[in-house]
Amino acid sequence: MSDLASVQVTVYGYVQGVFFRAYTEQQARKLGLTGYVRNLPVEEVVEVKAEGKRDRLETLISYLRMGPPTAKVTKVVTKWSEYTGSYSGFSIRH
């Protein structure tokens, strides 16, 4: 499937302070996706909003389930929606 979609992914676990955002940005850019990643105010939660081809978004989600070597992901929640074209690239938000 190569249709365009948008996904919001909430990642729980040991995911702050372990280069999770940089890892996510790197993987998303390799996949040609747009959007952003940010830490949420709640400890141990990272939010990812990404857009692009659905199969590439699914690949990104599989990377998020693993995380970088120093992370420990305990739960991943996804919410799919329509593609909006709102993002020009993929970035880390602070």
N, C-alpha and C. Protein backbone atom coordinates (compact mmCIF):
# COMPACT_ATOMS: atom_id res chain seq x y z
N MET A 1 0.83 -1.18 0.00
CA MET A 1 0.00 0.00 0.00
C MET A 1 0.88 1.24 0.00
N SER A 2 0.63 2.15 -0.91
CA SER A 2 1.47 3.35 -0.96
C SER A 2 0.65 4.63 -0.84
N ASP A 3 -0.56 4.53 -0.28
CA ASP A 3 -1.36 5.73 -0.12
C ASP A 3 -0.80 6.62 0.99
N LEU A 4 -1.11 7.90 0.94
CA LEU A 4 -0.61 8.85 1.93
C LEU A 4 -1.50 8.84 3.17
N ALA A 5 -0.86 8.97 4.32
CA ALA A 5 -1.58 8.96 5.58
C ALA A 5 -0.83 9.79 6.61
N SER A 6 -1.47 9.97 7.75
CA SER A 6 -0.88 10.66 8.89
C SER A 6 -1.06 9.76 10.10
N VAL A 7 -0.06 9.76 10.98
CA VAL A 7 -0.17 8.95 12.19
C VAL A 7 0.40 9.71 13.37
N GLN A 8 -0.28 9.57 14.50
CA GLN A 8 0.23 10.09 15.77
C GLN A 8 0.62 8.87 16.58
N VAL A 9 1.86 8.85 17.05
CA VAL A 9 2.36 7.71 17.82
C VAL A 9 2.81 8.22 19.19
N THR A 10 2.30 7.59 20.22
CA THR A 10 2.73 7.92 21.58
C THR A 10 3.54 6.73 22.08
N VAL A 11 4.78 7.02 22.46
CA VAL A 11 5.71 5.96 22.87
C VAL A 11 5.99 6.11 24.37
N TYR A 12 5.80 5.02 25.10
CA TYR A 12 5.99 5.01 26.55
C TYR A 12 7.19 4.15 26.92
N GLY A 13 7.82 4.48 28.04
CA GLY A 13 8.94 3.70 28.54
C GLY A 13 10.12 4.60 28.86
N TYR A 14 11.30 4.01 28.86
CA TYR A 14 12.53 4.76 29.10
C TYR A 14 12.95 5.37 27.77
N VAL A 15 12.30 6.52 27.42
CA VAL A 15 12.47 7.10 26.09
C VAL A 15 12.90 8.57 26.11
N GLN A 16 13.12 9.14 27.29
CA GLN A 16 13.61 10.51 27.37
C GLN A 16 15.04 10.48 27.91
N GLY A 17 15.90 11.30 27.28
CA GLY A 17 17.29 11.36 27.71
C GLY A 17 18.15 10.22 27.19
N VAL A 18 17.64 9.52 26.16
CA VAL A 18 18.37 8.37 25.60
C VAL A 18 18.51 8.49 24.08
N PHE A 19 18.45 9.72 23.57
CA PHE A 19 18.57 10.02 22.13
C PHE A 19 17.42 9.46 21.30
N PHE A 20 16.26 9.26 21.94
CA PHE A 20 15.11 8.72 21.22
C PHE A 20 14.62 9.67 20.14
N ARG A 21 14.60 10.99 20.45
CA ARG A 21 14.14 11.96 19.45
C ARG A 21 15.09 12.01 18.25
N ALA A 22 16.39 12.01 18.50
CA ALA A 22 17.36 12.04 17.40
C ALA A 22 17.25 10.77 16.55
N TYR A 23 17.08 9.63 17.21
CA TYR A 23 16.90 8.35 16.52
C TYR A 23 15.65 8.41 15.63
N THR A 24 14.56 8.92 16.18
CA THR A 24 13.30 9.00 15.44
C THR A 24 13.44 9.92 14.23
N GLU A 25 14.07 11.08 14.44
CA GLU A 25 14.28 12.02 13.34
C GLU A 25 15.10 11.36 12.22
N GLN A 26 16.15 10.67 12.59
CA GLN A 26 17.01 10.02 11.61
C GLN A 26 16.23 8.97 10.80
N GLN A 27 15.47 8.12 11.48
CA GLN A 27 14.71 7.08 10.79
C GLN A 27 13.63 7.69 9.89
N ALA A 28 12.93 8.71 10.38
CA ALA A 28 11.87 9.34 9.59
C ALA A 28 12.43 9.99 8.33
N ARG A 29 13.56 10.66 8.47
CA ARG A 29 14.17 11.31 7.29
C ARG A 29 14.63 10.27 6.27
N LYS A 30 15.20 9.17 6.75
CA LYS A 30 15.61 8.09 5.83
C LYS A 30 14.42 7.56 5.04
N LEU A 31 13.26 7.53 5.70
CA LEU A 31 12.04 7.01 5.07
C LEU A 31 11.31 8.06 4.24
N GLY A 32 11.80 9.30 4.24
CA GLY A 32 11.18 10.37 3.46
C GLY A 32 9.87 10.86 4.07
N LEU A 33 9.73 10.78 5.38
CA LEU A 33 8.51 11.21 6.06
C LEU A 33 8.65 12.64 6.56
N THR A 34 7.53 13.28 6.81
CA THR A 34 7.51 14.61 7.39
C THR A 34 6.78 14.56 8.73
N GLY A 35 7.01 15.60 9.56
CA GLY A 35 6.35 15.66 10.85
C GLY A 35 7.32 16.09 11.93
N TYR A 36 7.09 15.58 13.16
CA TYR A 36 7.97 15.96 14.27
C TYR A 36 7.93 14.92 15.37
N VAL A 37 8.91 15.04 16.25
CA VAL A 37 8.97 14.23 17.47
C VAL A 37 9.24 15.18 18.62
N ARG A 38 8.62 14.91 19.78
CA ARG A 38 8.86 15.75 20.96
C ARG A 38 8.64 14.95 22.22
N ASN A 39 9.33 15.38 23.28
CA ASN A 39 9.07 14.82 24.60
C ASN A 39 7.79 15.46 25.12
N LEU A 40 6.95 14.68 25.77
CA LEU A 40 5.79 15.25 26.44
C LEU A 40 6.17 15.59 27.87
N PRO A 41 5.43 16.51 28.50
CA PRO A 41 5.77 16.93 29.87
C PRO A 41 5.78 15.77 30.86
N VAL A 42 4.99 14.75 30.58
CA VAL A 42 4.97 13.56 31.44
C VAL A 42 6.25 12.78 31.18
N GLU A 43 6.95 12.40 32.25
CA GLU A 43 8.18 11.62 32.06
C GLU A 43 7.88 10.33 31.34
N GLU A 44 8.85 9.89 30.58
CA GLU A 44 8.80 8.59 29.90
C GLU A 44 7.73 8.52 28.82
N VAL A 45 7.43 9.65 28.17
CA VAL A 45 6.50 9.65 27.06
C VAL A 45 7.03 10.55 25.94
N VAL A 46 7.03 10.02 24.72
CA VAL A 46 7.43 10.78 23.53
C VAL A 46 6.28 10.72 22.53
N GLU A 47 6.02 11.86 21.88
CA GLU A 47 4.98 11.93 20.86
C GLU A 47 5.62 12.10 19.49
N VAL A 48 5.12 11.36 18.52
CA VAL A 48 5.58 11.47 17.14
C VAL A 48 4.36 11.72 16.26
N LYS A 49 4.44 12.75 15.43
CA LYS A 49 3.42 12.95 14.39
C LYS A 49 4.16 12.86 13.07
N ALA A 50 3.70 11.98 12.21
CA ALA A 50 4.40 11.77 10.95
C ALA A 50 3.41 11.60 9.81
N GLU A 51 3.84 12.02 8.63
CA GLU A 51 3.02 11.88 7.43
C GLU A 51 3.87 11.36 6.29
N GLY A 52 3.20 10.66 5.38
CA GLY A 52 3.87 10.13 4.20
C GLY A 52 3.16 8.88 3.73
N LYS A 53 3.89 8.07 2.98
CA LYS A 53 3.32 6.81 2.48
C LYS A 53 3.05 5.87 3.65
N ARG A 54 1.88 5.26 3.64
CA ARG A 54 1.45 4.43 4.76
C ARG A 54 2.44 3.30 5.07
N ASP A 55 2.97 2.66 4.04
CA ASP A 55 3.91 1.55 4.30
C ASP A 55 5.18 2.05 4.98
N ARG A 56 5.61 3.25 4.64
CA ARG A 56 6.79 3.83 5.30
C ARG A 56 6.49 4.25 6.73
N LEU A 57 5.27 4.73 6.97
CA LEU A 57 4.86 5.05 8.33
C LEU A 57 4.84 3.79 9.19
N GLU A 58 4.37 2.69 8.62
CA GLU A 58 4.37 1.41 9.35
C GLU A 58 5.79 0.96 9.68
N THR A 59 6.72 1.22 8.76
CA THR A 59 8.13 0.91 9.01
C THR A 59 8.65 1.76 10.16
N LEU A 60 8.32 3.06 10.16
CA LEU A 60 8.74 3.95 11.24
C LEU A 60 8.20 3.43 12.58
N ILE A 61 6.95 3.02 12.61
CA ILE A 61 6.35 2.51 13.85
C ILE A 61 7.13 1.30 14.35
N SER A 62 7.55 0.43 13.45
CA SER A 62 8.35 -0.73 13.88
C SER A 62 9.68 -0.29 14.47
N TYR A 63 10.29 0.77 13.92
CA TYR A 63 11.52 1.32 14.51
C TYR A 63 11.24 1.92 15.89
N LEU A 64 10.10 2.58 16.03
CA LEU A 64 9.75 3.18 17.32
C LEU A 64 9.53 2.12 18.39
N ARG A 65 9.01 0.97 18.00
CA ARG A 65 8.80 -0.12 18.96
C ARG A 65 10.14 -0.62 19.52
N MET A 66 11.19 -0.55 18.71
CA MET A 66 12.53 -0.97 19.15
C MET A 66 13.25 0.16 19.88
N GLY A 67 13.26 1.34 19.26
CA GLY A 67 13.99 2.47 19.82
C GLY A 67 15.49 2.29 19.67
N PRO A 68 16.26 3.31 20.07
CA PRO A 68 17.72 3.19 20.03
C PRO A 68 18.17 2.22 21.13
N PRO A 69 19.43 1.78 21.07
CA PRO A 69 19.92 0.77 22.03
C PRO A 69 19.74 1.14 23.50
N THR A 70 19.78 2.43 23.84
CA THR A 70 19.69 2.83 25.24
C THR A 70 18.25 2.98 25.74
N ALA A 71 17.27 2.89 24.86
CA ALA A 71 15.86 3.06 25.24
C ALA A 71 15.24 1.72 25.64
N LYS A 72 14.15 1.82 26.38
CA LYS A 72 13.35 0.64 26.72
C LYS A 72 11.89 1.01 26.52
N VAL A 73 11.34 0.62 25.36
CA VAL A 73 9.97 0.94 25.01
C VAL A 73 9.04 -0.09 25.66
N THR A 74 8.03 0.41 26.38
CA THR A 74 7.09 -0.50 27.05
C THR A 74 5.72 -0.54 26.36
N LYS A 75 5.36 0.56 25.65
CA LYS A 75 4.05 0.60 24.99
C LYS A 75 4.09 1.61 23.86
N VAL A 76 3.40 1.29 22.76
CA VAL A 76 3.28 2.19 21.62
C VAL A 76 1.80 2.27 21.23
N VAL A 77 1.27 3.50 21.21
CA VAL A 77 -0.13 3.70 20.84
C VAL A 77 -0.17 4.51 19.55
N THR A 78 -0.91 4.02 18.55
CA THR A 78 -0.98 4.71 17.26
C THR A 78 -2.40 5.18 16.99
N LYS A 79 -2.49 6.32 16.33
CA LYS A 79 -3.78 6.88 15.93
C LYS A 79 -3.63 7.37 14.50
N TRP A 80 -4.27 6.69 13.56
CA TRP A 80 -4.17 7.03 12.14
C TRP A 80 -5.20 8.09 11.78
N SER A 81 -4.83 8.93 10.82
CA SER A 81 -5.76 9.94 10.30
C SER A 81 -5.42 10.27 8.85
N GLU A 82 -6.17 11.21 8.29
CA GLU A 82 -5.96 11.62 6.91
C GLU A 82 -4.68 12.43 6.76
N TYR A 83 -4.03 12.27 5.62
CA TYR A 83 -2.84 13.05 5.28
C TYR A 83 -3.23 14.52 5.15
N THR A 84 -2.41 15.43 5.74
CA THR A 84 -2.72 16.86 5.68
C THR A 84 -1.71 17.66 4.87
N GLY A 85 -0.49 17.17 4.73
CA GLY A 85 0.54 17.93 4.02
C GLY A 85 1.02 19.14 4.81
N SER A 86 0.84 19.12 6.12
CA SER A 86 1.16 20.27 6.98
C SER A 86 2.64 20.50 7.24
N TYR A 87 3.47 19.50 6.99
CA TYR A 87 4.89 19.59 7.38
C TYR A 87 5.79 19.61 6.16
N SER A 88 6.85 20.43 6.23
CA SER A 88 7.78 20.52 5.09
C SER A 88 8.96 19.58 5.26
N GLY A 89 9.19 19.09 6.47
CA GLY A 89 10.29 18.17 6.74
C GLY A 89 10.01 17.47 8.04
N PHE A 90 11.02 16.82 8.60
CA PHE A 90 10.86 16.15 9.89
C PHE A 90 11.79 16.81 10.89
N SER A 91 11.27 17.17 12.07
CA SER A 91 12.09 17.92 13.03
C SER A 91 11.86 17.44 14.46
N ILE A 92 12.78 17.86 15.31
CA ILE A 92 12.66 17.64 16.74
C ILE A 92 12.07 18.93 17.33
N ARG A 93 10.99 18.81 18.06
CA ARG A 93 10.40 19.98 18.71
C ARG A 93 10.76 19.95 20.19
N HIS A 94 10.95 21.14 20.74
CA HIS A 94 11.31 21.25 22.15
C HIS A 94 10.21 21.92 22.93
